Amino acid sequence: MSELLFYLSLFIVVIGACVVIVARFTKQAPQKKASTHNNELVTFETIMVTLEVQDSSYEQLQRAVQNLFDHYEILKLSNNQKRFFLFELSKHRHTRSELILSALNDMTTRNPELKKELESSVKRGLDRRDLADNALRL
């Protein structure tokens, strides 16, 4: 019986040591990110900050769209992220139709199977923008 306890405790100590060693030498998976010419971090989240802040200028929106498509392959966006990007872009108060249409065309060219969903996202964003404009007038 004492021999069994000895081997059981030895087994637990060895397993514990293995867990500590693996945890110590395991590194986190690197995030998918790209950098622009001025060493600015480009991720989907950093691009979306520009779109979500209502005070962003048209030039900042253009830069965000440009960054998205310049780093499109590196970012590996999900379908929801693609639709959300177009929704936020189309509902922003400083955006213009040319920018929305060019972003929609670029996104549709890269994802022809999502054409209807992407167009629907733009339509919903424009509808939301119209609702917000009407609410401000009241």
Protein backbone atom coordinates (compact mmCIF):
# COMPACT_ATOMS: atom_id res chain seq x y z
CA MET A 1 0.00 0.00 0.00
CA SER A 2 2.80 2.43 0.82
CA GLU A 3 4.46 1.49 -2.47
CA LEU A 4 1.26 2.42 -4.33
CA LEU A 5 1.11 5.81 -2.60
CA PHE A 6 4.76 6.44 -3.46
CA TYR A 7 4.21 5.74 -7.17
CA LEU A 8 0.97 7.74 -7.24
CA SER A 9 2.62 10.80 -5.65
CA LEU A 10 5.63 10.43 -7.99
CA PHE A 11 3.25 10.31 -10.96
CA ILE A 12 1.46 13.47 -9.80
CA VAL A 13 4.76 15.31 -9.28
CA VAL A 14 6.00 14.34 -12.76
CA ILE A 15 2.72 15.40 -14.42
CA GLY A 16 2.77 18.69 -12.49
CA ALA A 17 6.36 19.37 -13.59
CA CYS A 18 5.41 18.66 -17.23
CA VAL A 19 2.49 21.07 -17.04
CA VAL A 20 4.71 23.81 -15.59
CA ILE A 21 7.38 23.27 -18.27
CA VAL A 22 4.85 23.31 -21.12
CA ALA A 23 3.14 26.43 -19.74
CA ARG A 24 6.46 28.22 -19.31
CA PHE A 25 7.74 27.58 -22.83
CA THR A 26 4.48 27.94 -24.75
CA LYS A 27 4.08 31.27 -26.53
CA GLN A 28 0.83 32.94 -27.50
CA ALA A 29 -0.14 32.67 -31.13
CA PRO A 30 0.78 35.88 -32.93
CA GLN A 31 -2.09 38.10 -34.03
CA LYS A 32 -2.56 38.66 -37.72
CA LYS A 33 -1.50 42.21 -38.28
CA ALA A 34 0.12 44.34 -40.88
CA SER A 35 1.89 47.64 -40.71
CA THR A 36 1.57 50.63 -42.98
CA HIS A 37 4.41 52.73 -44.29
CA ASN A 38 4.57 54.78 -41.07
CA ASN A 39 4.68 51.74 -38.73
CA GLU A 40 1.05 52.15 -37.72
CA LEU A 41 -0.64 48.93 -36.60
CA VAL A 42 -3.39 47.78 -38.96
CA THR A 43 -5.97 45.31 -37.71
CA PHE A 44 -9.68 45.06 -38.36
CA GLU A 45 -10.28 46.69 -34.97
CA THR A 46 -8.03 49.68 -35.69
CA ILE A 47 -9.73 50.20 -39.05
CA MET A 48 -13.18 50.02 -37.45
CA VAL A 49 -12.31 52.67 -34.85
CA THR A 50 -12.26 55.25 -37.63
CA LEU A 51 -15.67 54.15 -38.88
CA GLU A 52 -17.27 53.98 -35.45
CA VAL A 53 -16.17 57.47 -34.39
CA GLN A 54 -18.74 59.87 -35.87
CA ASP A 55 -16.25 62.75 -35.92
CA SER A 56 -13.95 61.03 -38.42
CA SER A 57 -13.42 63.07 -41.56
CA TYR A 58 -13.97 61.89 -45.11
CA GLU A 59 -10.19 61.65 -45.60
CA GLN A 60 -9.89 59.40 -42.54
CA LEU A 61 -12.66 57.20 -43.91
CA GLN A 62 -10.84 56.99 -47.23
CA ARG A 63 -7.65 55.97 -45.42
CA ALA A 64 -9.54 53.29 -43.47
CA VAL A 65 -11.00 51.84 -46.68
CA GLN A 66 -7.58 51.97 -48.34
CA ASN A 67 -5.96 50.21 -45.36
CA LEU A 68 -8.59 47.49 -45.40
CA PHE A 69 -8.06 46.67 -49.05
CA ASP A 70 -4.27 47.10 -48.93
CA HIS A 71 -4.08 44.51 -46.13
CA TYR A 72 -7.10 42.45 -47.15
CA GLU A 73 -5.24 39.15 -47.58
CA ILE A 74 -3.35 39.51 -44.30
CA LEU A 75 -6.43 40.41 -42.23
CA LYS A 76 -8.44 37.32 -43.34
CA LEU A 77 -11.82 38.81 -42.49
CA SER A 78 -14.86 36.74 -41.66
CA ASN A 79 -18.07 37.26 -43.63
CA ASN A 80 -19.60 39.07 -40.65
CA GLN A 81 -16.63 41.46 -40.47
CA LYS A 82 -16.96 42.25 -44.18
CA ARG A 83 -20.66 42.99 -43.83
CA PHE A 84 -20.13 45.02 -40.65
CA PHE A 85 -17.43 47.10 -42.33
CA LEU A 86 -19.75 48.06 -45.18
CA PHE A 87 -22.64 48.70 -42.77
CA GLU A 88 -20.56 51.07 -40.63
CA LEU A 89 -19.08 52.81 -43.67
CA SER A 90 -22.47 53.42 -45.25
CA LYS A 91 -24.07 54.78 -42.08
CA HIS A 92 -21.24 57.20 -41.26
CA ARG A 93 -22.35 60.81 -41.60
CA HIS A 94 -19.20 62.02 -43.40
CA THR A 95 -19.04 59.31 -46.04
CA ARG A 96 -19.92 59.86 -49.69
CA SER A 97 -21.60 57.65 -52.22
CA GLU A 98 -18.41 57.27 -54.31
CA LEU A 99 -16.53 55.81 -51.35
CA ILE A 100 -19.37 53.46 -50.43
CA LEU A 101 -19.78 52.25 -54.01
CA SER A 102 -16.05 51.73 -54.56
CA ALA A 103 -15.76 49.79 -51.28
CA LEU A 104 -18.82 47.72 -52.19
CA ASN A 105 -17.44 47.01 -55.68
CA ASP A 106 -14.01 46.02 -54.33
CA MET A 107 -15.56 43.79 -51.68
CA THR A 108 -17.96 42.21 -54.18
CA THR A 109 -15.14 41.58 -56.65
CA ARG A 110 -13.21 39.73 -53.95
CA ASN A 111 -16.32 37.91 -52.65
CA PRO A 112 -18.81 37.36 -55.47
CA GLU A 113 -20.67 34.72 -53.42
CA LEU A 114 -21.53 37.40 -50.82
CA LYS A 115 -22.85 39.99 -53.27
CA LYS A 116 -26.44 40.04 -51.96
CA GLU A 117 -25.40 40.09 -48.29
CA LEU A 118 -22.91 42.91 -48.90
CA GLU A 119 -25.48 44.98 -50.81
CA SER A 120 -27.97 44.36 -48.02
CA SER A 121 -25.47 45.61 -45.43
CA VAL A 122 -24.96 48.82 -47.39
CA LYS A 123 -28.72 49.30 -47.72
CA ARG A 124 -29.24 48.78 -43.98
CA GLY A 125 -26.45 51.26 -43.21
CA LEU A 126 -27.96 53.88 -45.50
CA ASP A 127 -31.40 53.29 -43.96
CA ARG A 128 -29.93 53.74 -40.48
CA ARG A 129 -28.23 56.92 -41.63
CA ASP A 130 -31.52 58.27 -42.99
CA LEU A 131 -33.24 57.47 -39.67
CA ALA A 132 -30.51 59.29 -37.75
CA ASP A 133 -30.73 62.33 -40.07
CA ASN A 134 -34.51 62.47 -39.70
CA ALA A 135 -34.24 62.22 -35.92
CA LEU A 136 -31.82 65.17 -35.88
CA ARG A 137 -34.23 67.29 -37.90
CA LEU A 138 -37.03 66.74 -35.41
